[in-house]
Structure formats: structure tokens, C-alpha cells
Amino acid sequence: MAISPELLEILVCPKCKGEIVMTTGGDALDCAACKLRYRVEDDIPVMLIDEASPL
């Protein structure tokens, strides 16, 4: 089960509150404004700033 489109519509970057987009592989969410990548584990996005990796 992947992240639902409805959930993606309401999720925002926790740092800048900007739009996030799913990566092609579906294993992460990217914020272009902050240049951060939030991983997805077992279809659950880990939206912690401290856990994000730089793009």
C-alpha cells in the first residue's frame, strides 16, 4: 500500500510548510524549497526535520 493521494495533498514540509513531492521510487518525499528529503518507511512518511537528509 502506497501513500494515498489524499494524504499527499495535505502533507507539507515541517520546516517551511511548503509543498512536498513523492520521489519516483516512492521511498521518500522531497521539499524543493528546503532541499530536504524525508524517507518513507513501511508506507509511513517520517516527517521529522532531524531525520531528513539533504538533497
PDB file of N, CA and C in Angstrom:
ATOM      1  N   MET A   1       0.844  -1.188   0.000  1.00  0.00           N
ATOM      2  CA  MET A   1       0.000   0.000   0.000  1.00  0.00           C
ATOM      3  C   MET A   1       0.879   1.237   0.000  1.00  0.00           C
ATOM      4  N   ALA A   2       0.690   2.100  -0.946  1.00  0.00           N
ATOM      5  CA  ALA A   2       1.465   3.331  -1.049  1.00  0.00           C
ATOM      6  C   ALA A   2       0.753   4.464  -0.305  1.00  0.00           C
ATOM      7  N   ILE A   3       1.428   5.571  -0.202  1.00  0.00           N
ATOM      8  CA  ILE A   3       0.810   6.751   0.430  1.00  0.00           C
ATOM      9  C   ILE A   3      -0.320   7.224  -0.478  1.00  0.00           C
ATOM     10  N   SER A   4      -1.463   7.461   0.100  1.00  0.00           N
ATOM     11  CA  SER A   4      -2.636   7.844  -0.692  1.00  0.00           C
ATOM     12  C   SER A   4      -2.480   9.269  -1.225  1.00  0.00           C
ATOM     13  N   PRO A   5      -3.069   9.532  -2.388  1.00  0.00           N
ATOM     14  CA  PRO A   5      -3.029  10.887  -2.949  1.00  0.00           C
ATOM     15  C   PRO A   5      -3.670  11.919  -2.020  1.00  0.00           C
ATOM     16  N   GLU A   6      -4.689  11.500  -1.273  1.00  0.00           N
ATOM     17  CA  GLU A   6      -5.348  12.418  -0.333  1.00  0.00           C
ATOM     18  C   GLU A   6      -4.384  12.853   0.772  1.00  0.00           C
ATOM     19  N   LEU A   7      -3.574  11.928   1.266  1.00  0.00           N
ATOM     20  CA  LEU A   7      -2.594  12.256   2.289  1.00  0.00           C
ATOM     21  C   LEU A   7      -1.513  13.164   1.719  1.00  0.00           C
ATOM     22  N   LEU A   8      -1.060  12.884   0.508  1.00  0.00           N
ATOM     23  CA  LEU A   8      -0.039  13.724  -0.117  1.00  0.00           C
ATOM     24  C   LEU A   8      -0.515  15.159  -0.305  1.00  0.00           C
ATOM     25  N   GLU A   9      -1.807  15.330  -0.537  1.00  0.00           N
ATOM     26  CA  GLU A   9      -2.365  16.675  -0.716  1.00  0.00           C
ATOM     27  C   GLU A   9      -2.269  17.511   0.556  1.00  0.00           C
ATOM     28  N   ILE A  10      -2.365  16.875   1.726  1.00  0.00           N
ATOM     29  CA  ILE A  10      -2.368  17.647   2.971  1.00  0.00           C
ATOM     30  C   ILE A  10      -1.005  17.700   3.658  1.00  0.00           C
ATOM     31  N   LEU A  11      -0.088  16.812   3.255  1.00  0.00           N
ATOM     32  CA  LEU A  11       1.243  16.839   3.860  1.00  0.00           C
ATOM     33  C   LEU A  11       2.036  18.039   3.357  1.00  0.00           C
ATOM     34  N   VAL A  12       2.755  18.682   4.265  1.00  0.00           N
ATOM     35  CA  VAL A  12       3.646  19.781   3.915  1.00  0.00           C
ATOM     36  C   VAL A  12       4.979  19.562   4.607  1.00  0.00           C
ATOM     37  N   CYS A  13       5.974  20.264   4.157  1.00  0.00           N
ATOM     38  CA  CYS A  13       7.291  20.194   4.781  1.00  0.00           C
ATOM     39  C   CYS A  13       7.176  20.758   6.201  1.00  0.00           C
ATOM     40  N   PRO A  14       7.648  20.024   7.201  1.00  0.00           N
ATOM     41  CA  PRO A  14       7.533  20.518   8.569  1.00  0.00           C
ATOM     42  C   PRO A  14       8.434  21.726   8.851  1.00  0.00           C
ATOM     43  N   LYS A  15       9.429  21.946   8.013  1.00  0.00           N
ATOM     44  CA  LYS A  15      10.347  23.068   8.235  1.00  0.00           C
ATOM     45  C   LYS A  15       9.800  24.373   7.659  1.00  0.00           C
ATOM     46  N   CYS A  16       9.398  24.349   6.375  1.00  0.00           N
ATOM     47  CA  CYS A  16       8.972  25.591   5.720  1.00  0.00           C
ATOM     48  C   CYS A  16       7.474  25.641   5.417  1.00  0.00           C
ATOM     49  N   LYS A  17       6.779  24.541   5.657  1.00  0.00           N
ATOM     50  CA  LYS A  17       5.343  24.407   5.361  1.00  0.00           C
ATOM     51  C   LYS A  17       5.064  24.457   3.863  1.00  0.00           C
ATOM     52  N   GLY A  18       6.091  24.172   3.051  1.00  0.00           N
ATOM     53  CA  GLY A  18       5.948  24.170   1.601  1.00  0.00           C
ATOM     54  C   GLY A  18       5.498  22.817   1.077  1.00  0.00           C
ATOM     55  N   GLU A  19       5.312  22.776  -0.222  1.00  0.00           N
ATOM     56  CA  GLU A  19       4.841  21.562  -0.897  1.00  0.00           C
ATOM     57  C   GLU A  19       5.938  20.497  -0.919  1.00  0.00           C
ATOM     58  N   ILE A  20       5.524  19.260  -0.759  1.00  0.00           N
ATOM     59  CA  ILE A  20       6.434  18.129  -0.887  1.00  0.00           C
ATOM     60  C   ILE A  20       5.936  17.225  -2.001  1.00  0.00           C
ATOM     61  N   VAL A  21       6.858  16.550  -2.644  1.00  0.00           N
ATOM     62  CA  VAL A  21       6.502  15.634  -3.736  1.00  0.00           C
ATOM     63  C   VAL A  21       7.154  14.286  -3.493  1.00  0.00           C
ATOM     64  N   MET A  22       6.473  13.251  -3.916  1.00  0.00           N
ATOM     65  CA  MET A  22       7.000  11.899  -3.760  1.00  0.00           C
ATOM     66  C   MET A  22       8.068  11.645  -4.812  1.00  0.00           C
ATOM     67  N   THR A  23       9.112  10.949  -4.414  1.00  0.00           N
ATOM     68  CA  THR A  23      10.162  10.572  -5.365  1.00  0.00           C
ATOM     69  C   THR A  23       9.621   9.524  -6.317  1.00  0.00           C
ATOM     70  N   THR A  24      10.311   9.329  -7.408  1.00  0.00           N
ATOM     71  CA  THR A  24       9.867   8.376  -8.420  1.00  0.00           C
ATOM     72  C   THR A  24       9.736   6.969  -7.862  1.00  0.00           C
ATOM     73  N   GLY A  25      10.659   6.585  -6.995  1.00  0.00           N
ATOM     74  CA  GLY A  25      10.616   5.251  -6.406  1.00  0.00           C
ATOM     75  C   GLY A  25       9.604   5.112  -5.288  1.00  0.00           C
ATOM     76  N   GLY A  26       9.049   6.226  -4.807  1.00  0.00           N
ATOM     77  CA  GLY A  26       8.061   6.185  -3.741  1.00  0.00           C
ATOM     78  C   GLY A  26       8.649   5.920  -2.369  1.00  0.00           C
ATOM     79  N   ASP A  27       9.975   6.048  -2.253  1.00  0.00           N
ATOM     80  CA  ASP A  27      10.617   5.749  -0.970  1.00  0.00           C
ATOM     81  C   ASP A  27      10.949   6.995  -0.160  1.00  0.00           C
ATOM     82  N   ALA A  28      10.580   8.180  -0.684  1.00  0.00           N
ATOM     83  CA  ALA A  28      10.886   9.415   0.031  1.00  0.00           C
ATOM     84  C   ALA A  28       9.986  10.541  -0.473  1.00  0.00           C
ATOM     85  N   LEU A  29       9.957  11.617   0.318  1.00  0.00           N
ATOM     86  CA  LEU A  29       9.243  12.836  -0.042  1.00  0.00           C
ATOM     87  C   LEU A  29      10.254  13.969  -0.057  1.00  0.00           C
ATOM     88  N   ASP A  30      10.228  14.785  -1.118  1.00  0.00           N
ATOM     89  CA  ASP A  30      11.197  15.863  -1.273  1.00  0.00           C
ATOM     90  C   ASP A  30      10.552  17.228  -1.130  1.00  0.00           C
ATOM     91  N   CYS A  31      11.282  18.130  -0.471  1.00  0.00           N
ATOM     92  CA  CYS A  31      10.896  19.537  -0.406  1.00  0.00           C
ATOM     93  C   CYS A  31      11.933  20.307  -1.211  1.00  0.00           C
ATOM     94  N   ALA A  32      11.510  20.901  -2.318  1.00  0.00           N
ATOM     95  CA  ALA A  32      12.431  21.641  -3.181  1.00  0.00           C
ATOM     96  C   ALA A  32      12.887  22.936  -2.517  1.00  0.00           C
ATOM     97  N   ALA A  33      12.024  23.560  -1.725  1.00  0.00           N
ATOM     98  CA  ALA A  33      12.369  24.829  -1.083  1.00  0.00           C
ATOM     99  C   ALA A  33      13.480  24.665  -0.048  1.00  0.00           C
ATOM    100  N   CYS A  34      13.375  23.654   0.787  1.00  0.00           N
ATOM    101  CA  CYS A  34      14.366  23.410   1.847  1.00  0.00           C
ATOM    102  C   CYS A  34      15.503  22.515   1.392  1.00  0.00           C
ATOM    103  N   LYS A  35      15.314  21.875   0.239  1.00  0.00           N
ATOM    104  CA  LYS A  35      16.296  20.893  -0.264  1.00  0.00           C
ATOM    105  C   LYS A  35      16.496  19.758   0.734  1.00  0.00           C
ATOM    106  N   LEU A  36      15.355  19.254   1.259  1.00  0.00           N
ATOM    107  CA  LEU A  36      15.381  18.148   2.209  1.00  0.00           C
ATOM    108  C   LEU A  36      14.589  16.965   1.663  1.00  0.00           C
ATOM    109  N   ARG A  37      15.001  15.781   2.065  1.00  0.00           N
ATOM    110  CA  ARG A  37      14.312  14.544   1.688  1.00  0.00           C
ATOM    111  C   ARG A  37      13.884  13.823   2.956  1.00  0.00           C
ATOM    112  N   TYR A  38      12.593  13.509   3.033  1.00  0.00           N
ATOM    113  CA  TYR A  38      12.018  12.773   4.161  1.00  0.00           C
ATOM    114  C   TYR A  38      11.750  11.347   3.698  1.00  0.00           C
ATOM    115  N   ARG A  39      12.284  10.372   4.394  1.00  0.00           N
ATOM    116  CA  ARG A  39      12.133   8.975   3.969  1.00  0.00           C
ATOM    117  C   ARG A  39      10.730   8.454   4.306  1.00  0.00           C
ATOM    118  N   VAL A  40      10.364   7.399   3.606  1.00  0.00           N
ATOM    119  CA  VAL A  40       9.092   6.704   3.832  1.00  0.00           C
ATOM    120  C   VAL A  40       9.439   5.279   4.237  1.00  0.00           C
ATOM    121  N   GLU A  41       9.005   4.879   5.424  1.00  0.00           N
ATOM    122  CA  GLU A  41       9.255   3.519   5.919  1.00  0.00           C
ATOM    123  C   GLU A  41       7.932   2.797   6.111  1.00  0.00           C
ATOM    124  N   ASP A  42       7.781   1.666   5.489  1.00  0.00           N
ATOM    125  CA  ASP A  42       6.549   0.873   5.579  1.00  0.00           C
ATOM    126  C   ASP A  42       5.318   1.716   5.270  1.00  0.00           C
ATOM    127  N   ASP A  43       5.435   2.530   4.213  1.00  0.00           N
ATOM    128  CA  ASP A  43       4.354   3.413   3.747  1.00  0.00           C
ATOM    129  C   ASP A  43       3.989   4.497   4.750  1.00  0.00           C
ATOM    130  N   ILE A  44       4.879   4.798   5.683  1.00  0.00           N
ATOM    131  CA  ILE A  44       4.649   5.864   6.662  1.00  0.00           C
ATOM    132  C   ILE A  44       5.746   6.910   6.484  1.00  0.00           C
ATOM    133  N   PRO A  45       5.375   8.149   6.143  1.00  0.00           N
ATOM    134  CA  PRO A  45       6.392   9.180   5.989  1.00  0.00           C
ATOM    135  C   PRO A  45       6.972   9.594   7.346  1.00  0.00           C
ATOM    136  N   VAL A  46       8.294   9.685   7.408  1.00  0.00           N
ATOM    137  CA  VAL A  46       8.980  10.125   8.621  1.00  0.00           C
ATOM    138  C   VAL A  46       9.238  11.621   8.449  1.00  0.00           C
ATOM    139  N   MET A  47       8.333  12.432   8.977  1.00  0.00           N
ATOM    140  CA  MET A  47       8.359  13.876   8.753  1.00  0.00           C
ATOM    141  C   MET A  47       9.032  14.618   9.910  1.00  0.00           C
ATOM    142  N   LEU A  48      10.194  14.159  10.301  1.00  0.00           N
ATOM    143  CA  LEU A  48      10.964  14.801  11.364  1.00  0.00           C
ATOM    144  C   LEU A  48      12.139  15.541  10.722  1.00  0.00           C
ATOM    145  N   ILE A  49      12.277  16.819  11.039  1.00  0.00           N
ATOM    146  CA  ILE A  49      13.340  17.623  10.444  1.00  0.00           C
ATOM    147  C   ILE A  49      14.706  17.029  10.733  1.00  0.00           C
ATOM    148  N   ASP A  50      14.909  16.562  11.943  1.00  0.00           N
ATOM    149  CA  ASP A  50      16.204  15.974  12.333  1.00  0.00           C
ATOM    150  C   ASP A  50      16.513  14.681  11.590  1.00  0.00           C
ATOM    151  N   GLU A  51      15.499  14.011  11.084  1.00  0.00           N
ATOM    152  CA  GLU A  51      15.679  12.734  10.366  1.00  0.00           C
ATOM    153  C   GLU A  51      15.801  12.940   8.853  1.00  0.00           C
ATOM    154  N   ALA A  52      15.570  14.157   8.374  1.00  0.00           N
ATOM    155  CA  ALA A  52      15.626  14.437   6.938  1.00  0.00           C
ATOM    156  C   ALA A  52      17.071  14.442   6.453  1.00  0.00           C
ATOM    157  N   SER A  53      17.240  14.134   5.171  1.00  0.00           N
ATOM    158  CA  SER A  53      18.574  14.182   4.572  1.00  0.00           C
ATOM    159  C   SER A  53      18.580  15.253   3.487  1.00  0.00           C
ATOM    160  N   PRO A  54      19.738  15.875   3.253  1.00  0.00           N
ATOM    161  CA  PRO A  54      19.805  16.915   2.214  1.00  0.00           C
ATOM    162  C   PRO A  54      19.698  16.309   0.818  1.00  0.00           C
ATOM    163  N   LEU A  55      19.127  17.064  -0.092  1.00  0.00           N
ATOM    164  CA  LEU A  55      19.026  16.628  -1.493  1.00  0.00           C
ATOM    165  C   LEU A  55      20.348  16.815  -2.189  1.00  0.00           C
TER     166      LEU A  55
END
